[in-house]
Amino acid sequence: MKPENVIMDEHGYLKLTDFGLSKQAYESNTFCGTPEYVSPEMLEGTSHDKTVDWWALGVLLYEMLAGIPPFYDRDHGVMFQKILKDDILWPDVKVHGFGFSKEATDLIKQLLNRDRTKRLGAGKNDSDDILNHKFFKGINTKKILDRKFKAPYKPA
């Protein structure tokens, strides 16, 4: 298996990965990726940068909490229009039996800002702005990033 397709490193720490088509570039104009995670700037064909990853993180967090991506539709054309134009639909506790915390809602809203220059993580502090968000309060993200926690499983 290729190293970029491994979702756990040799120390037992998980990695975020997308087994779909992706590329590494400082800035790009190409369209690639998993449709549910595509950012507005990719759909518009404008130049995009690493903030597409912050958009994808917002989609991932929403999906992990709700069980479905925020703009999902079986019809990709409809889904792409939702990504470009629709408001995020938040689960209602009375209707769905669950809802998002204020912190999760705020983090996801900031990651799914359609203006990539205002998207959380777009500033000079990059990922630190995301990790310092109140959603992560009480979590020692530095200790996690420094791999100071013992992983519950270490592969042979």
N, C-alpha and C. Protein backbone atom coordinates (compact mmCIF):
# COMPACT_ATOMS: atom_id res chain seq x y z
N MET A 1 0.85 -1.18 0.00
CA MET A 1 0.00 0.00 0.00
C MET A 1 0.89 1.24 0.00
N LYS A 2 0.51 2.23 -0.78
CA LYS A 2 1.28 3.47 -0.85
C LYS A 2 1.20 4.21 0.49
N PRO A 3 2.30 4.85 0.93
CA PRO A 3 2.28 5.58 2.20
C PRO A 3 1.21 6.65 2.28
N GLU A 4 0.87 7.30 1.16
CA GLU A 4 -0.14 8.37 1.20
C GLU A 4 -1.55 7.82 1.38
N ASN A 5 -1.73 6.49 1.22
CA ASN A 5 -3.05 5.88 1.40
C ASN A 5 -3.21 5.24 2.78
N VAL A 6 -2.20 5.32 3.62
CA VAL A 6 -2.27 4.76 4.95
C VAL A 6 -2.95 5.77 5.87
N ILE A 7 -3.94 5.31 6.63
CA ILE A 7 -4.65 6.24 7.51
C ILE A 7 -4.14 6.19 8.95
N MET A 8 -3.15 5.33 9.21
CA MET A 8 -2.54 5.27 10.53
C MET A 8 -1.03 5.17 10.34
N ASP A 9 -0.30 5.99 11.08
CA ASP A 9 1.16 5.91 10.93
C ASP A 9 1.71 4.78 11.80
N GLU A 10 3.02 4.59 11.76
CA GLU A 10 3.66 3.48 12.47
C GLU A 10 3.60 3.61 13.98
N HIS A 11 3.20 4.80 14.48
CA HIS A 11 3.09 5.01 15.93
C HIS A 11 1.65 4.89 16.43
N GLY A 12 0.71 4.63 15.52
CA GLY A 12 -0.69 4.47 15.91
C GLY A 12 -1.51 5.74 15.85
N TYR A 13 -0.94 6.80 15.28
CA TYR A 13 -1.67 8.06 15.15
C TYR A 13 -2.41 8.10 13.82
N LEU A 14 -3.68 8.51 13.87
CA LEU A 14 -4.50 8.57 12.67
C LEU A 14 -4.13 9.79 11.82
N LYS A 15 -4.37 9.66 10.51
CA LYS A 15 -4.17 10.75 9.57
C LYS A 15 -5.49 11.01 8.87
N LEU A 16 -5.73 12.25 8.52
CA LEU A 16 -6.86 12.56 7.65
C LEU A 16 -6.39 12.34 6.23
N THR A 17 -7.21 11.65 5.44
CA THR A 17 -6.82 11.38 4.07
C THR A 17 -8.05 11.31 3.19
N ASP A 18 -7.84 11.48 1.92
CA ASP A 18 -8.90 11.35 0.93
C ASP A 18 -8.35 10.42 -0.14
N PHE A 19 -8.98 9.29 -0.30
CA PHE A 19 -8.50 8.33 -1.28
C PHE A 19 -8.89 8.71 -2.70
N GLY A 20 -9.61 9.80 -2.84
CA GLY A 20 -9.98 10.29 -4.16
C GLY A 20 -8.82 11.03 -4.80
N LEU A 21 -9.10 11.67 -5.89
CA LEU A 21 -8.09 12.42 -6.61
C LEU A 21 -7.75 13.69 -5.84
N SER A 22 -6.48 13.92 -5.64
CA SER A 22 -6.03 15.14 -4.97
C SER A 22 -4.67 15.51 -5.54
N LYS A 23 -4.22 16.71 -5.20
CA LYS A 23 -2.90 17.13 -5.65
C LYS A 23 -2.31 18.11 -4.65
N GLN A 24 -1.01 18.24 -4.69
CA GLN A 24 -0.32 19.17 -3.82
C GLN A 24 0.18 20.33 -4.66
N ALA A 25 -0.22 21.55 -4.26
CA ALA A 25 0.22 22.73 -4.98
C ALA A 25 0.03 23.95 -4.09
N TYR A 26 0.86 24.96 -4.29
CA TYR A 26 0.70 26.20 -3.52
C TYR A 26 -0.58 26.91 -3.93
N GLU A 27 -0.82 26.95 -5.23
CA GLU A 27 -2.03 27.56 -5.76
C GLU A 27 -2.39 26.81 -7.04
N SER A 28 -3.68 26.69 -7.31
CA SER A 28 -4.10 25.89 -8.45
C SER A 28 -5.39 26.44 -9.06
N ASN A 29 -5.67 26.03 -10.28
CA ASN A 29 -6.93 26.36 -10.94
C ASN A 29 -7.67 25.11 -11.39
N THR A 30 -7.17 23.94 -11.03
CA THR A 30 -7.79 22.70 -11.48
C THR A 30 -8.90 22.26 -10.54
N PHE A 31 -9.77 21.43 -11.07
CA PHE A 31 -10.91 20.90 -10.33
C PHE A 31 -10.65 19.44 -10.04
N CYS A 32 -10.45 19.11 -8.77
CA CYS A 32 -10.28 17.71 -8.40
C CYS A 32 -10.73 17.53 -6.96
N GLY A 33 -11.09 16.31 -6.62
CA GLY A 33 -11.49 16.02 -5.25
C GLY A 33 -12.82 15.31 -5.17
N THR A 34 -13.22 15.00 -3.97
CA THR A 34 -14.49 14.33 -3.70
C THR A 34 -15.60 15.37 -3.81
N PRO A 35 -16.63 15.14 -4.62
CA PRO A 35 -17.65 16.16 -4.89
C PRO A 35 -18.25 16.82 -3.65
N GLU A 36 -18.56 16.04 -2.61
CA GLU A 36 -19.19 16.60 -1.42
C GLU A 36 -18.29 17.60 -0.69
N TYR A 37 -16.99 17.52 -0.94
CA TYR A 37 -16.01 18.33 -0.22
C TYR A 37 -15.44 19.48 -1.06
N VAL A 38 -15.90 19.62 -2.29
CA VAL A 38 -15.39 20.65 -3.19
C VAL A 38 -15.80 22.03 -2.69
N SER A 39 -14.86 22.95 -2.71
CA SER A 39 -15.11 24.31 -2.23
C SER A 39 -15.73 25.18 -3.32
N PRO A 40 -16.36 26.29 -2.92
CA PRO A 40 -16.96 27.20 -3.90
C PRO A 40 -15.96 27.72 -4.93
N GLU A 41 -14.75 28.04 -4.50
CA GLU A 41 -13.77 28.59 -5.44
C GLU A 41 -13.36 27.56 -6.49
N MET A 42 -13.37 26.29 -6.13
CA MET A 42 -13.07 25.25 -7.12
C MET A 42 -14.21 25.16 -8.14
N LEU A 43 -15.45 25.26 -7.65
CA LEU A 43 -16.60 25.20 -8.55
C LEU A 43 -16.64 26.40 -9.48
N GLU A 44 -16.22 27.55 -8.98
CA GLU A 44 -16.23 28.77 -9.78
C GLU A 44 -15.06 28.84 -10.74
N GLY A 45 -14.10 27.94 -10.57
CA GLY A 45 -12.94 27.92 -11.47
C GLY A 45 -11.95 29.03 -11.20
N THR A 46 -12.03 29.62 -10.00
CA THR A 46 -11.07 30.66 -9.65
C THR A 46 -9.86 30.02 -8.98
N SER A 47 -8.83 30.77 -8.88
CA SER A 47 -7.62 30.28 -8.24
C SER A 47 -7.94 29.89 -6.80
N HIS A 48 -7.33 28.82 -6.34
CA HIS A 48 -7.54 28.39 -4.96
C HIS A 48 -6.22 27.91 -4.36
N ASP A 49 -6.22 27.85 -3.05
CA ASP A 49 -5.01 27.50 -2.31
C ASP A 49 -5.36 26.52 -1.20
N LYS A 50 -4.53 26.46 -0.16
CA LYS A 50 -4.75 25.48 0.90
C LYS A 50 -6.04 25.72 1.68
N THR A 51 -6.68 26.87 1.51
CA THR A 51 -7.93 27.10 2.23
C THR A 51 -9.03 26.16 1.74
N VAL A 52 -8.84 25.50 0.58
CA VAL A 52 -9.80 24.47 0.17
C VAL A 52 -9.79 23.32 1.18
N ASP A 53 -8.64 23.10 1.81
CA ASP A 53 -8.55 22.06 2.83
C ASP A 53 -9.31 22.45 4.10
N TRP A 54 -9.31 23.74 4.42
CA TRP A 54 -10.08 24.19 5.59
C TRP A 54 -11.57 24.07 5.31
N TRP A 55 -11.98 24.34 4.06
CA TRP A 55 -13.37 24.12 3.67
C TRP A 55 -13.71 22.63 3.87
N ALA A 56 -12.85 21.75 3.35
CA ALA A 56 -13.09 20.31 3.45
C ALA A 56 -13.15 19.86 4.91
N LEU A 57 -12.34 20.47 5.77
CA LEU A 57 -12.39 20.14 7.20
C LEU A 57 -13.75 20.52 7.78
N GLY A 58 -14.29 21.66 7.37
CA GLY A 58 -15.62 22.05 7.83
C GLY A 58 -16.68 21.07 7.39
N VAL A 59 -16.58 20.61 6.14
CA VAL A 59 -17.53 19.61 5.63
C VAL A 59 -17.38 18.31 6.42
N LEU A 60 -16.14 17.90 6.66
CA LEU A 60 -15.88 16.66 7.41
C LEU A 60 -16.44 16.74 8.83
N LEU A 61 -16.20 17.84 9.51
CA LEU A 61 -16.72 17.98 10.88
C LEU A 61 -18.24 17.92 10.89
N TYR A 62 -18.87 18.62 9.95
CA TYR A 62 -20.33 18.58 9.85
C TYR A 62 -20.79 17.14 9.63
N GLU A 63 -20.15 16.46 8.67
CA GLU A 63 -20.55 15.10 8.35
C GLU A 63 -20.34 14.15 9.53
N MET A 64 -19.26 14.33 10.27
CA MET A 64 -19.01 13.48 11.43
C MET A 64 -20.08 13.68 12.51
N LEU A 65 -20.57 14.89 12.63
CA LEU A 65 -21.58 15.18 13.65
C LEU A 65 -23.00 14.86 13.18
N ALA A 66 -23.29 15.05 11.89
CA ALA A 66 -24.66 14.88 11.38
C ALA A 66 -24.87 13.57 10.63
N GLY A 67 -23.79 12.98 10.14
CA GLY A 67 -23.93 11.74 9.38
C GLY A 67 -24.10 11.95 7.89
N ILE A 68 -24.10 13.20 7.45
CA ILE A 68 -24.26 13.53 6.03
C ILE A 68 -23.59 14.88 5.78
N PRO A 69 -22.96 15.09 4.64
CA PRO A 69 -22.32 16.39 4.37
C PRO A 69 -23.37 17.51 4.33
N PRO A 70 -22.96 18.74 4.60
CA PRO A 70 -23.92 19.84 4.73
C PRO A 70 -24.69 20.21 3.47
N PHE A 71 -24.14 19.99 2.30
CA PHE A 71 -24.80 20.39 1.06
C PHE A 71 -25.14 19.20 0.18
N TYR A 72 -25.21 18.02 0.78
CA TYR A 72 -25.36 16.79 0.01
C TYR A 72 -26.64 16.75 -0.82
N ASP A 73 -26.48 16.22 -2.03
CA ASP A 73 -27.59 15.87 -2.91
C ASP A 73 -27.07 14.78 -3.83
N ARG A 74 -27.91 13.81 -4.16
CA ARG A 74 -27.50 12.74 -5.09
C ARG A 74 -27.10 13.29 -6.45
N ASP A 75 -27.75 14.34 -6.85
CA ASP A 75 -27.47 15.01 -8.13
C ASP A 75 -26.32 15.99 -7.89
N HIS A 76 -25.17 15.71 -8.48
CA HIS A 76 -23.99 16.56 -8.26
C HIS A 76 -24.22 18.00 -8.69
N GLY A 77 -24.97 18.20 -9.77
CA GLY A 77 -25.26 19.57 -10.22
C GLY A 77 -26.03 20.34 -9.17
N VAL A 78 -27.02 19.71 -8.57
CA VAL A 78 -27.80 20.34 -7.50
C VAL A 78 -26.90 20.58 -6.29
N MET A 79 -26.10 19.57 -5.95
CA MET A 79 -25.20 19.71 -4.80
C MET A 79 -24.22 20.87 -5.01
N PHE A 80 -23.68 21.00 -6.21
CA PHE A 80 -22.74 22.08 -6.48
C PHE A 80 -23.42 23.44 -6.35
N GLN A 81 -24.67 23.54 -6.77
CA GLN A 81 -25.41 24.80 -6.59
C GLN A 81 -25.64 25.09 -5.10
N LYS A 82 -25.91 24.05 -4.32
CA LYS A 82 -26.07 24.23 -2.87
C LYS A 82 -24.77 24.74 -2.25
N ILE A 83 -23.64 24.17 -2.68
CA ILE A 83 -22.34 24.60 -2.16
C ILE A 83 -22.12 26.08 -2.47
N LEU A 84 -22.52 26.49 -3.66
CA LEU A 84 -22.32 27.88 -4.08
C LEU A 84 -23.29 28.86 -3.43
N LYS A 85 -24.52 28.45 -3.16
CA LYS A 85 -25.56 29.42 -2.80
C LYS A 85 -26.31 29.18 -1.49
N ASP A 86 -26.52 27.92 -1.11
CA ASP A 86 -27.44 27.63 0.00
C ASP A 86 -26.83 27.89 1.37
N ASP A 87 -27.72 28.24 2.29
CA ASP A 87 -27.32 28.33 3.69
C ASP A 87 -27.10 26.91 4.22
N ILE A 88 -26.30 26.81 5.25
CA ILE A 88 -26.08 25.52 5.91
C ILE A 88 -27.36 25.19 6.68
N LEU A 89 -27.85 23.97 6.51
CA LEU A 89 -29.01 23.52 7.28
C LEU A 89 -28.50 22.80 8.52
N TRP A 90 -28.87 23.32 9.69
CA TRP A 90 -28.41 22.76 10.95
C TRP A 90 -29.46 21.82 11.53
N PRO A 91 -29.05 20.68 12.04
CA PRO A 91 -30.01 19.76 12.65
C PRO A 91 -30.76 20.43 13.80
N ASP A 92 -32.04 20.15 13.88
CA ASP A 92 -32.89 20.68 14.94
C ASP A 92 -33.16 19.54 15.94
N VAL A 93 -32.87 19.78 17.20
CA VAL A 93 -33.03 18.76 18.23
C VAL A 93 -34.45 18.20 18.23
N LYS A 94 -35.44 19.07 18.09
CA LYS A 94 -36.85 18.63 18.12
C LYS A 94 -37.20 17.74 16.93
N VAL A 95 -36.61 18.03 15.79
CA VAL A 95 -36.92 17.28 14.57
C VAL A 95 -36.02 16.06 14.40
N HIS A 96 -34.71 16.26 14.60
CA HIS A 96 -33.73 15.22 14.30
C HIS A 96 -33.26 14.45 15.54
N GLY A 97 -33.58 14.94 16.71
CA GLY A 97 -33.15 14.27 17.94
C GLY A 97 -31.75 14.62 18.38
N PHE A 98 -31.10 15.51 17.67
CA PHE A 98 -29.76 15.99 18.04
C PHE A 98 -29.53 17.35 17.41
N GLY A 99 -28.54 18.04 17.93
CA GLY A 99 -28.13 19.32 17.39
C GLY A 99 -26.64 19.50 17.61
N PHE A 100 -26.10 20.57 17.08
CA PHE A 100 -24.68 20.87 17.26
C PHE A 100 -24.52 21.85 18.42
N SER A 101 -23.40 21.76 19.10
CA SER A 101 -23.09 22.74 20.14
C SER A 101 -22.85 24.10 19.48
N LYS A 102 -22.92 25.17 20.28
CA LYS A 102 -22.62 26.51 19.76
C LYS A 102 -21.21 26.56 19.22
N GLU A 103 -20.29 25.90 19.91
CA GLU A 103 -18.88 25.90 19.50
C GLU A 103 -18.69 25.18 18.17
N ALA A 104 -19.34 24.03 18.01
CA ALA A 104 -19.22 23.28 16.76
C ALA A 104 -19.84 24.07 15.61
N THR A 105 -21.00 24.66 15.86
CA THR A 105 -21.67 25.46 14.84
C THR A 105 -20.80 26.63 14.41
N ASP A 106 -20.21 27.32 15.37
CA ASP A 106 -19.36 28.47 15.06
C ASP A 106 -18.13 28.04 14.27
N LEU A 107 -17.48 26.96 14.68
CA LEU A 107 -16.29 26.48 13.97
C LEU A 107 -16.63 26.10 12.53
N ILE A 108 -17.69 25.35 12.35
CA ILE A 108 -18.08 24.91 11.01
C ILE A 108 -18.45 26.11 10.14
N LYS A 109 -19.20 27.07 10.70
CA LYS A 109 -19.56 28.28 9.93
C LYS A 109 -18.31 29.01 9.45
N GLN A 110 -17.32 29.12 10.32
CA GLN A 110 -16.09 29.84 9.94
C GLN A 110 -15.27 29.06 8.91
N LEU A 111 -15.28 27.74 9.00
CA LEU A 111 -14.56 26.92 8.01
C LEU A 111 -15.29 26.90 6.67
N LEU A 112 -16.62 27.03 6.70
CA LEU A 112 -17.40 27.00 5.46
C LEU A 112 -17.76 28.40 4.97
N ASN A 113 -16.91 29.35 5.28
CA ASN A 113 -17.08 30.71 4.75
C ASN A 113 -16.77 30.66 3.26
N ARG A 114 -17.69 31.11 2.45
CA ARG A 114 -17.49 31.05 0.99
C ARG A 114 -16.39 31.99 0.50
N ASP A 115 -16.07 32.99 1.29
CA ASP A 115 -14.96 33.88 0.96
C ASP A 115 -13.69 33.26 1.55
N ARG A 116 -12.88 32.66 0.70
CA ARG A 116 -11.71 31.93 1.20
C ARG A 116 -10.74 32.82 1.96
N THR A 117 -10.73 34.11 1.69
CA THR A 117 -9.81 35.01 2.40
C THR A 117 -10.28 35.27 3.82
N LYS A 118 -11.56 34.99 4.11
CA LYS A 118 -12.11 35.18 5.46
C LYS A 118 -12.35 33.85 6.17
N ARG A 119 -12.06 32.76 5.50
CA ARG A 119 -12.24 31.42 6.06
C ARG A 119 -11.26 31.22 7.22
N LEU A 120 -11.73 30.59 8.28
CA LEU A 120 -10.85 30.30 9.41
C LEU A 120 -9.67 29.47 8.91
N GLY A 121 -8.46 29.87 9.27
CA GLY A 121 -7.25 29.21 8.81
C GLY A 121 -6.59 29.93 7.65
N ALA A 122 -7.28 30.92 7.07
CA ALA A 122 -6.72 31.64 5.92
C ALA A 122 -5.71 32.70 6.33
N GLY A 123 -5.71 33.09 7.59
CA GLY A 123 -4.82 34.15 8.06
C GLY A 123 -3.39 33.68 8.25
N LYS A 124 -2.58 34.59 8.75
CA LYS A 124 -1.15 34.29 8.91
C LYS A 124 -0.89 33.19 9.94
N ASN A 125 -1.85 32.95 10.85
CA ASN A 125 -1.66 31.91 11.86
C ASN A 125 -2.10 30.53 11.40
N ASP A 126 -2.67 30.45 10.19
CA ASP A 126 -2.99 29.19 9.54
C ASP A 126 -3.76 28.25 10.47
N SER A 127 -3.28 27.04 10.65
CA SER A 127 -3.99 26.04 11.44
C SER A 127 -4.07 26.40 12.92
N ASP A 128 -3.17 27.23 13.41
CA ASP A 128 -3.24 27.64 14.82
C ASP A 128 -4.55 28.36 15.12
N ASP A 129 -5.06 29.13 14.16
CA ASP A 129 -6.35 29.80 14.36
C ASP A 129 -7.47 28.79 14.54
N ILE A 130 -7.38 27.69 13.82
CA ILE A 130 -8.39 26.64 13.95
C ILE A 130 -8.23 25.93 15.29
N LEU A 131 -7.01 25.53 15.62
CA LEU A 131 -6.77 24.80 16.86
C LEU A 131 -7.03 25.64 18.11
N ASN A 132 -6.98 26.96 17.97
CA ASN A 132 -7.27 27.84 19.10
C ASN A 132 -8.75 28.20 19.21
N HIS A 133 -9.58 27.66 18.33
CA HIS A 133 -11.01 27.93 18.38
C HIS A 133 -11.60 27.33 19.66
N LYS A 134 -12.64 27.95 20.18
CA LYS A 134 -13.26 27.50 21.44
C LYS A 134 -13.80 26.07 21.36
N PHE A 135 -14.02 25.54 20.15
CA PHE A 135 -14.45 24.15 19.98
C PHE A 135 -13.44 23.20 20.61
N PHE A 136 -12.15 23.57 20.56
CA PHE A 136 -11.08 22.71 21.06
C PHE A 136 -10.68 23.03 22.50
N LYS A 137 -11.46 23.88 23.18
CA LYS A 137 -11.15 24.25 24.56
C LYS A 137 -11.09 22.99 25.42
N GLY A 138 -10.07 22.91 26.23
CA GLY A 138 -9.90 21.76 27.11
C GLY A 138 -9.15 20.61 26.47
N ILE A 139 -8.83 20.73 25.19
CA ILE A 139 -8.06 19.70 24.49
C ILE A 139 -6.65 20.23 24.28
N ASN A 140 -5.68 19.50 24.74
CA ASN A 140 -4.30 19.92 24.58
C ASN A 140 -3.84 19.55 23.17
N THR A 141 -4.17 20.41 22.21
CA THR A 141 -3.85 20.12 20.81
C THR A 141 -2.34 20.05 20.58
N LYS A 142 -1.57 20.84 21.33
CA LYS A 142 -0.11 20.78 21.18
C LYS A 142 0.40 19.40 21.56
N LYS A 143 -0.14 18.87 22.65
CA LYS A 143 0.27 17.54 23.10
C LYS A 143 -0.10 16.47 22.06
N ILE A 144 -1.23 16.65 21.42
CA ILE A 144 -1.64 15.72 20.37
C ILE A 144 -0.70 15.83 19.18
N LEU A 145 -0.45 17.07 18.73
CA LEU A 145 0.42 17.28 17.57
C LEU A 145 1.85 16.83 17.84
N ASP A 146 2.29 16.96 19.08
CA ASP A 146 3.64 16.52 19.46
C ASP A 146 3.69 15.03 19.76
N ARG A 147 2.55 14.37 19.61
CA ARG A 147 2.43 12.93 19.85
C ARG A 147 2.86 12.54 21.26
N LYS A 148 2.40 13.29 22.22
CA LYS A 148 2.72 13.03 23.62
C LYS A 148 1.72 12.10 24.28
N PHE A 149 0.54 11.90 23.64
CA PHE A 149 -0.43 10.94 24.14
C PHE A 149 -0.07 9.57 23.59
N LYS A 150 -0.23 8.55 24.42
CA LYS A 150 0.03 7.19 23.95
C LYS A 150 -1.14 6.75 23.08
N ALA A 151 -0.84 6.32 21.88
CA ALA A 151 -1.88 5.84 20.97
C ALA A 151 -2.44 4.54 21.53
N PRO A 152 -3.75 4.33 21.44
CA PRO A 152 -4.35 3.11 21.99
C PRO A 152 -3.97 1.84 21.24
N TYR A 153 -3.49 2.00 20.02
CA TYR A 153 -3.09 0.85 19.22
C TYR A 153 -1.87 1.22 18.40
N LYS A 154 -0.86 0.36 18.41
CA LYS A 154 0.34 0.60 17.61
C LYS A 154 0.51 -0.60 16.68
N PRO A 155 0.44 -0.35 15.36
CA PRO A 155 0.55 -1.49 14.42
C PRO A 155 1.93 -2.13 14.45
N ALA A 156 1.95 -3.40 14.13
CA ALA A 156 3.23 -4.14 14.09
C ALA A 156 4.02 -3.72 12.87
